Amino acid sequence: MPTRKVIIPPGMENIYDMFHYAPGILIGDTLHISGQVGRDENLNVIEGAEAQFAQAFENVGKVLTAAGANFDDVVELESWFAGDMNELKTFMAVKDRFFTNRYPTWTGFAVSGFSMKGILVEIKCTAVLGLQDA
């Protein structure tokens, strides 16, 4: 039977304690990453679309690292954009800084808003550790 391990990277303890959700859950070799947004460890939303997108991916990276994974292990990417997708070109350019070798599946959505004012995107991923290419 697979095991369930909660993944809480350093600096994300406040998310688990305040909002009662895990940044990541590792079940066997599969890592489920909660939606990550462009805010810092103090929960301050980063200003500017490009900087906020980069911070959201950096937050995904923190969860991956804490689980012993990296962006090459990501098999599924979901992104939700606030209001519309006007910044999609910028998002894609930032995404391509993080996914440079293996590309995941990707689904993007436009939504009406998020839990914190000023958030432009939320990124959710699933990773499988130890995958080999066919």
C-alpha atoms as a PDB file:
ATOM      1  CA  MET A   1       0.000   0.000   0.000  1.00  0.00           C
ATOM      2  CA  PRO A   2       1.406   3.454  -0.908  1.00  0.00           C
ATOM      3  CA  THR A   3       2.207   5.922   1.837  1.00  0.00           C
ATOM      4  CA  ARG A   4       0.922   9.497   2.190  1.00  0.00           C
ATOM      5  CA  LYS A   5       3.522  12.123   3.069  1.00  0.00           C
ATOM      6  CA  VAL A   6       2.697  15.800   3.613  1.00  0.00           C
ATOM      7  CA  ILE A   7       5.233  18.101   1.921  1.00  0.00           C
ATOM      8  CA  ILE A   8       5.752  21.473   3.599  1.00  0.00           C
ATOM      9  CA  PRO A   9       8.815  23.337   2.298  1.00  0.00           C
ATOM     10  CA  PRO A  10      10.627  25.770   4.587  1.00  0.00           C
ATOM     11  CA  GLY A  11       8.766  29.076   4.515  1.00  0.00           C
ATOM     12  CA  MET A  12       5.381  27.500   3.741  1.00  0.00           C
ATOM     13  CA  GLU A  13       4.562  26.408   7.271  1.00  0.00           C
ATOM     14  CA  ASN A  14       2.201  29.387   7.613  1.00  0.00           C
ATOM     15  CA  ILE A  15       0.055  28.083   4.731  1.00  0.00           C
ATOM     16  CA  TYR A  16      -0.398  24.740   6.473  1.00  0.00           C
ATOM     17  CA  ASP A  17      -1.008  26.322   9.889  1.00  0.00           C
ATOM     18  CA  MET A  18      -3.255  29.244   8.843  1.00  0.00           C
ATOM     19  CA  PHE A  19      -5.189  27.870   5.886  1.00  0.00           C
ATOM     20  CA  HIS A  20      -5.119  24.151   6.741  1.00  0.00           C
ATOM     21  CA  TYR A  21      -3.894  22.752   3.445  1.00  0.00           C
ATOM     22  CA  ALA A  22      -0.676  21.054   2.440  1.00  0.00           C
ATOM     23  CA  PRO A  23       1.525  22.622  -0.229  1.00  0.00           C
ATOM     24  CA  GLY A  24       2.117  19.074  -1.469  1.00  0.00           C
ATOM     25  CA  ILE A  25       1.122  15.487  -0.817  1.00  0.00           C
ATOM     26  CA  LEU A  26       3.400  12.659  -1.935  1.00  0.00           C
ATOM     27  CA  ILE A  27       1.620   9.344  -2.446  1.00  0.00           C
ATOM     28  CA  GLY A  28       4.083   6.675  -3.482  1.00  0.00           C
ATOM     29  CA  ASP A  29       6.031   8.329  -6.309  1.00  0.00           C
ATOM     30  CA  THR A  30       3.249  10.779  -7.265  1.00  0.00           C
ATOM     31  CA  LEU A  31       3.423  14.340  -5.951  1.00  0.00           C
ATOM     32  CA  HIS A  32       0.240  16.431  -5.916  1.00  0.00           C
ATOM     33  CA  ILE A  33       1.063  20.137  -5.570  1.00  0.00           C
ATOM     34  CA  SER A  34      -1.585  22.564  -4.323  1.00  0.00           C
ATOM     35  CA  GLY A  35      -2.196  25.666  -6.386  1.00  0.00           C
ATOM     36  CA  GLN A  36       0.720  28.053  -5.959  1.00  0.00           C
ATOM     37  CA  VAL A  37       0.431  31.800  -6.454  1.00  0.00           C
ATOM     38  CA  GLY A  38       2.846  34.682  -6.775  1.00  0.00           C
ATOM     39  CA  ARG A  39       3.268  35.654  -3.147  1.00  0.00           C
ATOM     40  CA  ASP A  40       6.264  35.583  -0.849  1.00  0.00           C
ATOM     41  CA  GLU A  41       6.762  33.721   2.443  1.00  0.00           C
ATOM     42  CA  ASN A  42       4.990  36.561   4.286  1.00  0.00           C
ATOM     43  CA  LEU A  43       1.940  36.116   2.015  1.00  0.00           C
ATOM     44  CA  ASN A  44       2.585  39.424   0.239  1.00  0.00           C
ATOM     45  CA  VAL A  45       1.391  39.386  -3.382  1.00  0.00           C
ATOM     46  CA  ILE A  46       4.221  40.176  -5.812  1.00  0.00           C
ATOM     47  CA  GLU A  47       3.634  43.202  -8.048  1.00  0.00           C
ATOM     48  CA  GLY A  48       3.862  42.957 -11.830  1.00  0.00           C
ATOM     49  CA  ALA A  49       2.688  40.076 -14.009  1.00  0.00           C
ATOM     50  CA  GLU A  50       6.093  38.676 -14.999  1.00  0.00           C
ATOM     51  CA  ALA A  51       7.486  38.839 -11.448  1.00  0.00           C
ATOM     52  CA  GLN A  52       4.308  37.321 -10.000  1.00  0.00           C
ATOM     53  CA  PHE A  53       4.335  34.454 -12.520  1.00  0.00           C
ATOM     54  CA  ALA A  54       7.998  33.765 -11.748  1.00  0.00           C
ATOM     55  CA  GLN A  55       7.279  33.719  -7.996  1.00  0.00           C
ATOM     56  CA  ALA A  56       4.407  31.272  -8.505  1.00  0.00           C
ATOM     57  CA  PHE A  57       6.736  28.918 -10.417  1.00  0.00           C
ATOM     58  CA  GLU A  58       9.441  29.394  -7.773  1.00  0.00           C
ATOM     59  CA  ASN A  59       6.870  28.345  -5.151  1.00  0.00           C
ATOM     60  CA  VAL A  60       6.073  25.240  -7.210  1.00  0.00           C
ATOM     61  CA  GLY A  61       9.819  24.601  -7.333  1.00  0.00           C
ATOM     62  CA  LYS A  62      10.077  24.782  -3.536  1.00  0.00           C
ATOM     63  CA  VAL A  63       7.471  22.040  -3.172  1.00  0.00           C
ATOM     64  CA  LEU A  64       9.161  19.935  -5.848  1.00  0.00           C
ATOM     65  CA  THR A  65      12.554  20.292  -4.152  1.00  0.00           C
ATOM     66  CA  ALA A  66      11.148  19.453  -0.719  1.00  0.00           C
ATOM     67  CA  ALA A  67       9.779  16.212  -2.181  1.00  0.00           C
ATOM     68  CA  GLY A  68      13.045  15.339  -3.956  1.00  0.00           C
ATOM     69  CA  ALA A  69      11.711  16.266  -7.394  1.00  0.00           C
ATOM     70  CA  ASN A  70      12.263  18.939 -10.043  1.00  0.00           C
ATOM     71  CA  PHE A  71      10.419  20.461 -12.997  1.00  0.00           C
ATOM     72  CA  ASP A  72      11.406  17.538 -15.238  1.00  0.00           C
ATOM     73  CA  ASP A  73       9.238  15.315 -13.005  1.00  0.00           C
ATOM     74  CA  VAL A  74       6.076  17.386 -13.613  1.00  0.00           C
ATOM     75  CA  VAL A  75       3.623  15.508 -15.828  1.00  0.00           C
ATOM     76  CA  GLU A  76       0.589  17.787 -15.500  1.00  0.00           C
ATOM     77  CA  LEU A  77       0.318  21.566 -15.215  1.00  0.00           C
ATOM     78  CA  GLU A  78      -2.879  23.533 -14.649  1.00  0.00           C
ATOM     79  CA  SER A  79      -2.992  27.315 -14.573  1.00  0.00           C
ATOM     80  CA  TRP A  80      -5.882  29.562 -13.664  1.00  0.00           C
ATOM     81  CA  PHE A  81      -5.793  33.202 -14.765  1.00  0.00           C
ATOM     82  CA  ALA A  82      -7.711  36.016 -13.081  1.00  0.00           C
ATOM     83  CA  GLY A  83     -10.397  37.513 -15.298  1.00  0.00           C
ATOM     84  CA  ASP A  84      -8.916  36.902 -18.704  1.00  0.00           C
ATOM     85  CA  MET A  85      -5.793  35.565 -20.314  1.00  0.00           C
ATOM     86  CA  ASN A  86      -4.304  38.863 -21.543  1.00  0.00           C
ATOM     87  CA  GLU A  87      -0.925  37.994 -19.994  1.00  0.00           C
ATOM     88  CA  LEU A  88      -0.750  34.516 -21.561  1.00  0.00           C
ATOM     89  CA  LYS A  89       2.257  35.374 -23.739  1.00  0.00           C
ATOM     90  CA  THR A  90       4.168  36.621 -20.688  1.00  0.00           C
ATOM     91  CA  PHE A  91       3.100  33.555 -18.691  1.00  0.00           C
ATOM     92  CA  MET A  92       4.337  31.223 -21.429  1.00  0.00           C
ATOM     93  CA  ALA A  93       7.711  32.972 -21.553  1.00  0.00           C
ATOM     94  CA  VAL A  94       8.104  32.592 -17.781  1.00  0.00           C
ATOM     95  CA  LYS A  95       6.897  28.967 -17.904  1.00  0.00           C
ATOM     96  CA  ASP A  96       9.565  28.192 -20.491  1.00  0.00           C
ATOM     97  CA  ARG A  97      12.274  29.294 -18.027  1.00  0.00           C
ATOM     98  CA  PHE A  98      11.248  26.474 -15.701  1.00  0.00           C
ATOM     99  CA  PHE A  99      10.294  23.740 -18.184  1.00  0.00           C
ATOM    100  CA  THR A 100      13.363  23.423 -20.371  1.00  0.00           C
ATOM    101  CA  ASN A 101      13.740  19.687 -20.938  1.00  0.00           C
ATOM    102  CA  ARG A 102      10.532  17.723 -20.430  1.00  0.00           C
ATOM    103  CA  TYR A 103       7.215  19.420 -21.081  1.00  0.00           C
ATOM    104  CA  PRO A 104       4.104  18.494 -19.070  1.00  0.00           C
ATOM    105  CA  THR A 105       0.517  18.369 -20.204  1.00  0.00           C
ATOM    106  CA  TRP A 106      -1.027  21.809 -19.679  1.00  0.00           C
ATOM    107  CA  THR A 107      -4.527  23.161 -19.226  1.00  0.00           C
ATOM    108  CA  GLY A 108      -5.292  26.860 -18.695  1.00  0.00           C
ATOM    109  CA  PHE A 109      -8.476  28.426 -17.368  1.00  0.00           C
ATOM    110  CA  ALA A 110      -9.808  31.939 -16.895  1.00  0.00           C
ATOM    111  CA  VAL A 111     -11.560  32.474 -13.543  1.00  0.00           C
ATOM    112  CA  SER A 112     -13.310  35.413 -11.914  1.00  0.00           C
ATOM    113  CA  GLY A 113     -10.891  35.805  -9.002  1.00  0.00           C
ATOM    114  CA  PHE A 114      -8.804  34.338  -6.210  1.00  0.00           C
ATOM    115  CA  SER A 115      -8.701  34.327  -2.416  1.00  0.00           C
ATOM    116  CA  MET A 116      -6.296  37.278  -2.225  1.00  0.00           C
ATOM    117  CA  LYS A 117      -6.618  40.599  -4.017  1.00  0.00           C
ATOM    118  CA  GLY A 118      -4.046  41.137  -6.772  1.00  0.00           C
ATOM    119  CA  ILE A 119      -3.320  37.493  -7.588  1.00  0.00           C
ATOM    120  CA  LEU A 120      -3.097  37.022 -11.353  1.00  0.00           C
ATOM    121  CA  VAL A 121      -2.489  33.276 -11.638  1.00  0.00           C
ATOM    122  CA  GLU A 122      -2.590  30.046  -9.671  1.00  0.00           C
ATOM    123  CA  ILE A 123      -0.497  27.054 -10.770  1.00  0.00           C
ATOM    124  CA  LYS A 124      -1.256  23.444  -9.800  1.00  0.00           C
ATOM    125  CA  CYS A 125       0.966  20.511 -10.761  1.00  0.00           C
ATOM    126  CA  THR A 126       1.267  16.775 -10.530  1.00  0.00           C
ATOM    127  CA  ALA A 127       4.734  15.198 -10.655  1.00  0.00           C
ATOM    128  CA  VAL A 128       5.905  11.609 -10.776  1.00  0.00           C
ATOM    129  CA  LEU A 129       9.321  11.014  -9.265  1.00  0.00           C
ATOM    130  CA  GLY A 130      11.811   8.726 -10.986  1.00  0.00           C
ATOM    131  CA  LEU A 131      10.160   8.548 -14.416  1.00  0.00           C
ATOM    132  CA  GLN A 132      12.250   7.384 -17.340  1.00  0.00           C
ATOM    133  CA  ASP A 133      11.630   8.544 -20.903  1.00  0.00           C
ATOM    134  CA  ALA A 134      10.455   5.857 -23.331  1.00  0.00           C
END
